[in-house]
Amino acid sequence: MSGLYYEEFDVDETIEHDRRRTISESDNQRFCDMTMNQQPLHLDREFAAETEFGERLVNGLYTMSLAVGLSIPETTDGTIVANLSYDDVSHPNPVFCGDTIRARSTIADKRETSDGERGVVTMRVEVFNQRDDLVCEFDRTVLSLKREHAEGDE
């Protein structure tokens, strides 16, 4: 387990996530198929060629989901109770098939639960492509275990 317990998160700390992923056409196609999103901007080469982007865009929800996955090892792997919310999502620049994305998380806020047994942590996740363009950002709020109350530590 490599995730952080509530006590180990420091407000204003930035965590650079080492893992990266190059998004393939099949990744985008499968995600759209699984979520039943048939938006031609994501799937139809000819349609997308006539847009301002000139080519198909990667589904923004896939980009966001992938960023969460890239961030888990250094943040919540094995220490999370639940994801509580995803807020203030933006996609300031497009993602194209063949782009390689990376993520970083900055701890924005943390507080103990009313019973003091767990903690709520909010982190700002920023996603960048291989040119370091910001392509997605959002707040992820999680319910985190406290080390002293983790299963097996008592």
C-alpha atoms as a PDB file:
ATOM      1  CA  MET A   1       0.000   0.000   0.000  1.00  0.00           C
ATOM      2  CA  SER A   2       1.461   3.308  -1.029  1.00  0.00           C
ATOM      3  CA  GLY A   3      -1.390   5.736  -0.356  1.00  0.00           C
ATOM      4  CA  LEU A   4      -1.349   8.349   2.375  1.00  0.00           C
ATOM      5  CA  TYR A   5      -3.355   8.262   5.569  1.00  0.00           C
ATOM      6  CA  TYR A   6      -5.244  11.395   6.572  1.00  0.00           C
ATOM      7  CA  GLU A   7      -2.467  12.527   8.915  1.00  0.00           C
ATOM      8  CA  GLU A   8       0.112  12.320   6.118  1.00  0.00           C
ATOM      9  CA  PHE A   9      -1.611  14.832   3.822  1.00  0.00           C
ATOM     10  CA  ASP A  10      -0.269  18.394   4.172  1.00  0.00           C
ATOM     11  CA  VAL A  11      -2.320  21.334   2.911  1.00  0.00           C
ATOM     12  CA  ASP A  12      -0.551  23.118   0.009  1.00  0.00           C
ATOM     13  CA  GLU A  13       1.679  20.091  -0.637  1.00  0.00           C
ATOM     14  CA  THR A  14       2.014  19.263  -4.343  1.00  0.00           C
ATOM     15  CA  ILE A  15       2.499  15.663  -5.417  1.00  0.00           C
ATOM     16  CA  GLU A  16       3.903  15.046  -8.901  1.00  0.00           C
ATOM     17  CA  HIS A  17       2.679  11.673 -10.140  1.00  0.00           C
ATOM     18  CA  ASP A  18       5.377   9.757 -12.013  1.00  0.00           C
ATOM     19  CA  ARG A  19       3.107   7.491 -14.050  1.00  0.00           C
ATOM     20  CA  ARG A  20       2.091   8.671 -17.520  1.00  0.00           C
ATOM     21  CA  ARG A  21      -0.194   7.231 -20.162  1.00  0.00           C
ATOM     22  CA  THR A  22      -0.292   7.663 -23.919  1.00  0.00           C
ATOM     23  CA  ILE A  23      -3.932   7.561 -24.999  1.00  0.00           C
ATOM     24  CA  SER A  24      -4.644   5.342 -27.978  1.00  0.00           C
ATOM     25  CA  GLU A  25      -7.554   5.445 -30.398  1.00  0.00           C
ATOM     26  CA  SER A  26      -8.770   2.149 -28.960  1.00  0.00           C
ATOM     27  CA  ASP A  27      -8.708   3.576 -25.395  1.00  0.00           C
ATOM     28  CA  ASN A  28     -10.984   6.412 -26.495  1.00  0.00           C
ATOM     29  CA  GLN A  29     -13.231   4.099 -28.555  1.00  0.00           C
ATOM     30  CA  ARG A  30     -13.640   1.581 -25.693  1.00  0.00           C
ATOM     31  CA  PHE A  31     -14.423   4.293 -23.156  1.00  0.00           C
ATOM     32  CA  CYS A  32     -17.049   5.813 -25.448  1.00  0.00           C
ATOM     33  CA  ASP A  33     -18.515   2.352 -26.099  1.00  0.00           C
ATOM     34  CA  MET A  34     -18.639   1.431 -22.402  1.00  0.00           C
ATOM     35  CA  THR A  35     -20.330   4.702 -21.467  1.00  0.00           C
ATOM     36  CA  MET A  36     -22.619   4.687 -24.519  1.00  0.00           C
ATOM     37  CA  ASN A  37     -21.296   8.096 -25.557  1.00  0.00           C
ATOM     38  CA  GLN A  38     -21.594   8.202 -29.329  1.00  0.00           C
ATOM     39  CA  GLN A  39     -20.581  11.861 -29.744  1.00  0.00           C
ATOM     40  CA  PRO A  40     -19.142  12.067 -33.280  1.00  0.00           C
ATOM     41  CA  LEU A  41     -16.491  14.549 -32.112  1.00  0.00           C
ATOM     42  CA  HIS A  42     -14.898  11.584 -30.280  1.00  0.00           C
ATOM     43  CA  LEU A  43     -15.543   8.837 -32.814  1.00  0.00           C
ATOM     44  CA  ASP A  44     -16.104  10.079 -36.371  1.00  0.00           C
ATOM     45  CA  ARG A  45     -12.897  11.052 -38.177  1.00  0.00           C
ATOM     46  CA  GLU A  46     -14.730  12.865 -41.001  1.00  0.00           C
ATOM     47  CA  PHE A  47     -17.041  14.773 -38.664  1.00  0.00           C
ATOM     48  CA  ALA A  48     -14.159  15.832 -36.402  1.00  0.00           C
ATOM     49  CA  ALA A  49     -12.071  16.939 -39.397  1.00  0.00           C
ATOM     50  CA  GLU A  50     -14.670  19.641 -40.086  1.00  0.00           C
ATOM     51  CA  THR A  51     -14.513  21.073 -36.543  1.00  0.00           C
ATOM     52  CA  GLU A  52     -12.171  23.737 -35.201  1.00  0.00           C
ATOM     53  CA  PHE A  53      -9.991  20.915 -33.801  1.00  0.00           C
ATOM     54  CA  GLY A  54      -9.499  19.177 -37.156  1.00  0.00           C
ATOM     55  CA  GLU A  55      -9.418  15.713 -35.585  1.00  0.00           C
ATOM     56  CA  ARG A  56     -11.181  13.555 -33.020  1.00  0.00           C
ATOM     57  CA  LEU A  57     -10.954  14.575 -29.389  1.00  0.00           C
ATOM     58  CA  VAL A  58     -10.442  12.164 -26.520  1.00  0.00           C
ATOM     59  CA  ASN A  59     -13.527  11.961 -24.319  1.00  0.00           C
ATOM     60  CA  GLY A  60     -13.017  14.447 -21.456  1.00  0.00           C
ATOM     61  CA  LEU A  61     -14.414  12.053 -18.874  1.00  0.00           C
ATOM     62  CA  TYR A  62     -11.826   9.489 -19.911  1.00  0.00           C
ATOM     63  CA  THR A  63      -9.085  12.080 -19.442  1.00  0.00           C
ATOM     64  CA  MET A  64     -10.425  12.888 -15.976  1.00  0.00           C
ATOM     65  CA  SER A  65     -10.829   9.222 -15.002  1.00  0.00           C
ATOM     66  CA  LEU A  66      -7.343   8.414 -16.219  1.00  0.00           C
ATOM     67  CA  ALA A  67      -5.939  11.287 -14.152  1.00  0.00           C
ATOM     68  CA  VAL A  68      -7.594   9.882 -11.027  1.00  0.00           C
ATOM     69  CA  GLY A  69      -6.023   6.511 -11.783  1.00  0.00           C
ATOM     70  CA  LEU A  70      -2.599   8.051 -12.318  1.00  0.00           C
ATOM     71  CA  SER A  71      -2.860   9.840  -8.960  1.00  0.00           C
ATOM     72  CA  ILE A  72      -4.009   6.924  -6.798  1.00  0.00           C
ATOM     73  CA  PRO A  73      -0.644   5.268  -5.982  1.00  0.00           C
ATOM     74  CA  GLU A  74       0.731   8.378  -4.237  1.00  0.00           C
ATOM     75  CA  THR A  75      -2.532   9.571  -2.687  1.00  0.00           C
ATOM     76  CA  THR A  76      -5.232   7.057  -1.792  1.00  0.00           C
ATOM     77  CA  ASP A  77      -4.059   3.534  -2.679  1.00  0.00           C
ATOM     78  CA  GLY A  78      -5.380   1.390   0.170  1.00  0.00           C
ATOM     79  CA  THR A  79      -6.167   4.336   2.458  1.00  0.00           C
ATOM     80  CA  ILE A  80      -9.436   5.601   1.004  1.00  0.00           C
ATOM     81  CA  VAL A  81     -12.899   4.924   2.372  1.00  0.00           C
ATOM     82  CA  ALA A  82     -14.737   6.635  -0.520  1.00  0.00           C
ATOM     83  CA  ASN A  83     -14.542   9.286  -3.210  1.00  0.00           C
ATOM     84  CA  LEU A  84     -16.993  11.954  -2.040  1.00  0.00           C
ATOM     85  CA  SER A  85     -17.046  14.385  -4.949  1.00  0.00           C
ATOM     86  CA  TYR A  86     -15.460  15.733  -8.094  1.00  0.00           C
ATOM     87  CA  ASP A  87     -15.974  19.484  -8.435  1.00  0.00           C
ATOM     88  CA  ASP A  88     -14.919  22.480 -10.524  1.00  0.00           C
ATOM     89  CA  VAL A  89     -14.000  20.374 -13.560  1.00  0.00           C
ATOM     90  CA  SER A  90     -12.576  22.158 -16.580  1.00  0.00           C
ATOM     91  CA  HIS A  91     -10.978  21.092 -19.854  1.00  0.00           C
ATOM     92  CA  PRO A  92      -9.029  24.188 -20.981  1.00  0.00           C
ATOM     93  CA  ASN A  93      -7.275  22.426 -23.882  1.00  0.00           C
ATOM     94  CA  PRO A  94      -8.163  19.413 -26.010  1.00  0.00           C
ATOM     95  CA  VAL A  95      -6.671  15.938 -25.718  1.00  0.00           C
ATOM     96  CA  PHE A  96      -6.016  13.977 -28.911  1.00  0.00           C
ATOM     97  CA  CYS A  97      -5.297  10.310 -29.490  1.00  0.00           C
ATOM     98  CA  GLY A  98      -1.536   9.878 -29.184  1.00  0.00           C
ATOM     99  CA  ASP A  99      -1.198  12.462 -26.418  1.00  0.00           C
ATOM    100  CA  THR A 100       0.658  11.388 -23.285  1.00  0.00           C
ATOM    101  CA  ILE A 101      -0.808  12.724 -20.079  1.00  0.00           C
ATOM    102  CA  ARG A 102       0.522  13.140 -16.568  1.00  0.00           C
ATOM    103  CA  ALA A 103      -1.048  14.487 -13.395  1.00  0.00           C
ATOM    104  CA  ARG A 104      -0.197  16.339 -10.231  1.00  0.00           C
ATOM    105  CA  SER A 105      -2.247  16.818  -7.090  1.00  0.00           C
ATOM    106  CA  THR A 106      -2.134  19.716  -4.670  1.00  0.00           C
ATOM    107  CA  ILE A 107      -3.738  19.244  -1.279  1.00  0.00           C
ATOM    108  CA  ALA A 108      -6.252  22.072  -0.965  1.00  0.00           C
ATOM    109  CA  ASP A 109      -7.988  21.270   2.314  1.00  0.00           C
ATOM    110  CA  LYS A 110      -8.378  18.637   5.012  1.00  0.00           C
ATOM    111  CA  ARG A 111     -10.528  18.191   8.088  1.00  0.00           C
ATOM    112  CA  GLU A 112     -11.375  15.420  10.515  1.00  0.00           C
ATOM    113  CA  THR A 113     -14.816  13.870  10.493  1.00  0.00           C
ATOM    114  CA  SER A 114     -17.077  14.710  13.431  1.00  0.00           C
ATOM    115  CA  ASP A 115     -16.286  11.380  15.113  1.00  0.00           C
ATOM    116  CA  GLY A 116     -12.543  11.978  14.667  1.00  0.00           C
ATOM    117  CA  GLU A 117     -12.005   8.519  13.188  1.00  0.00           C
ATOM    118  CA  ARG A 118     -11.448   9.569   9.566  1.00  0.00           C
ATOM    119  CA  GLY A 119     -10.662  12.648   7.541  1.00  0.00           C
ATOM    120  CA  VAL A 120     -11.916  14.480   4.486  1.00  0.00           C
ATOM    121  CA  VAL A 121      -9.205  15.558   2.047  1.00  0.00           C
ATOM    122  CA  THR A 122      -9.694  17.763  -1.011  1.00  0.00           C
ATOM    123  CA  MET A 123      -7.023  17.827  -3.671  1.00  0.00           C
ATOM    124  CA  ARG A 124      -6.773  19.858  -6.859  1.00  0.00           C
ATOM    125  CA  VAL A 125      -5.774  17.540  -9.691  1.00  0.00           C
ATOM    126  CA  GLU A 126      -4.157  19.074 -12.754  1.00  0.00           C
ATOM    127  CA  VAL A 127      -3.602  17.102 -15.951  1.00  0.00           C
ATOM    128  CA  PHE A 128      -0.989  17.974 -18.584  1.00  0.00           C
ATOM    129  CA  ASN A 129      -0.127  16.648 -22.020  1.00  0.00           C
ATOM    130  CA  GLN A 130       3.372  16.009 -23.364  1.00  0.00           C
ATOM    131  CA  ARG A 131       3.745  19.701 -24.257  1.00  0.00           C
ATOM    132  CA  ASP A 132       2.867  20.674 -20.657  1.00  0.00           C
ATOM    133  CA  ASP A 133      -0.469  22.174 -21.759  1.00  0.00           C
ATOM    134  CA  LEU A 134      -3.076  22.027 -19.000  1.00  0.00           C
ATOM    135  CA  VAL A 135      -5.796  19.783 -20.452  1.00  0.00           C
ATOM    136  CA  CYS A 136      -7.997  19.086 -17.420  1.00  0.00           C
ATOM    137  CA  GLU A 137      -8.311  20.162 -13.799  1.00  0.00           C
ATOM    138  CA  PHE A 138     -10.722  19.319 -11.016  1.00  0.00           C
ATOM    139  CA  ASP A 139     -11.149  19.022  -7.256  1.00  0.00           C
ATOM    140  CA  ARG A 140     -11.310  15.484  -5.864  1.00  0.00           C
ATOM    141  CA  THR A 141     -12.626  15.080  -2.329  1.00  0.00           C
ATOM    142  CA  VAL A 142     -12.061  11.795  -0.521  1.00  0.00           C
ATOM    143  CA  LEU A 143     -12.879  10.228   2.806  1.00  0.00           C
ATOM    144  CA  SER A 144      -9.556   8.971   4.118  1.00  0.00           C
ATOM    145  CA  LEU A 145      -8.569   6.526   6.802  1.00  0.00           C
ATOM    146  CA  LYS A 146      -6.587   7.774   9.772  1.00  0.00           C
ATOM    147  CA  ARG A 147      -3.570   5.604  10.506  1.00  0.00           C
ATOM    148  CA  GLU A 148      -4.633   5.002  14.110  1.00  0.00           C
ATOM    149  CA  HIS A 149      -8.019   3.649  12.944  1.00  0.00           C
ATOM    150  CA  ALA A 150      -6.835   1.622   9.962  1.00  0.00           C
ATOM    151  CA  GLU A 151      -7.927  -1.969   9.906  1.00  0.00           C
ATOM    152  CA  GLY A 152      -5.225  -4.241  11.255  1.00  0.00           C
ATOM    153  CA  ASP A 153      -3.269  -1.463  12.972  1.00  0.00           C
ATOM    154  CA  GLU A 154      -5.101  -1.783  16.273  1.00  0.00           C
END
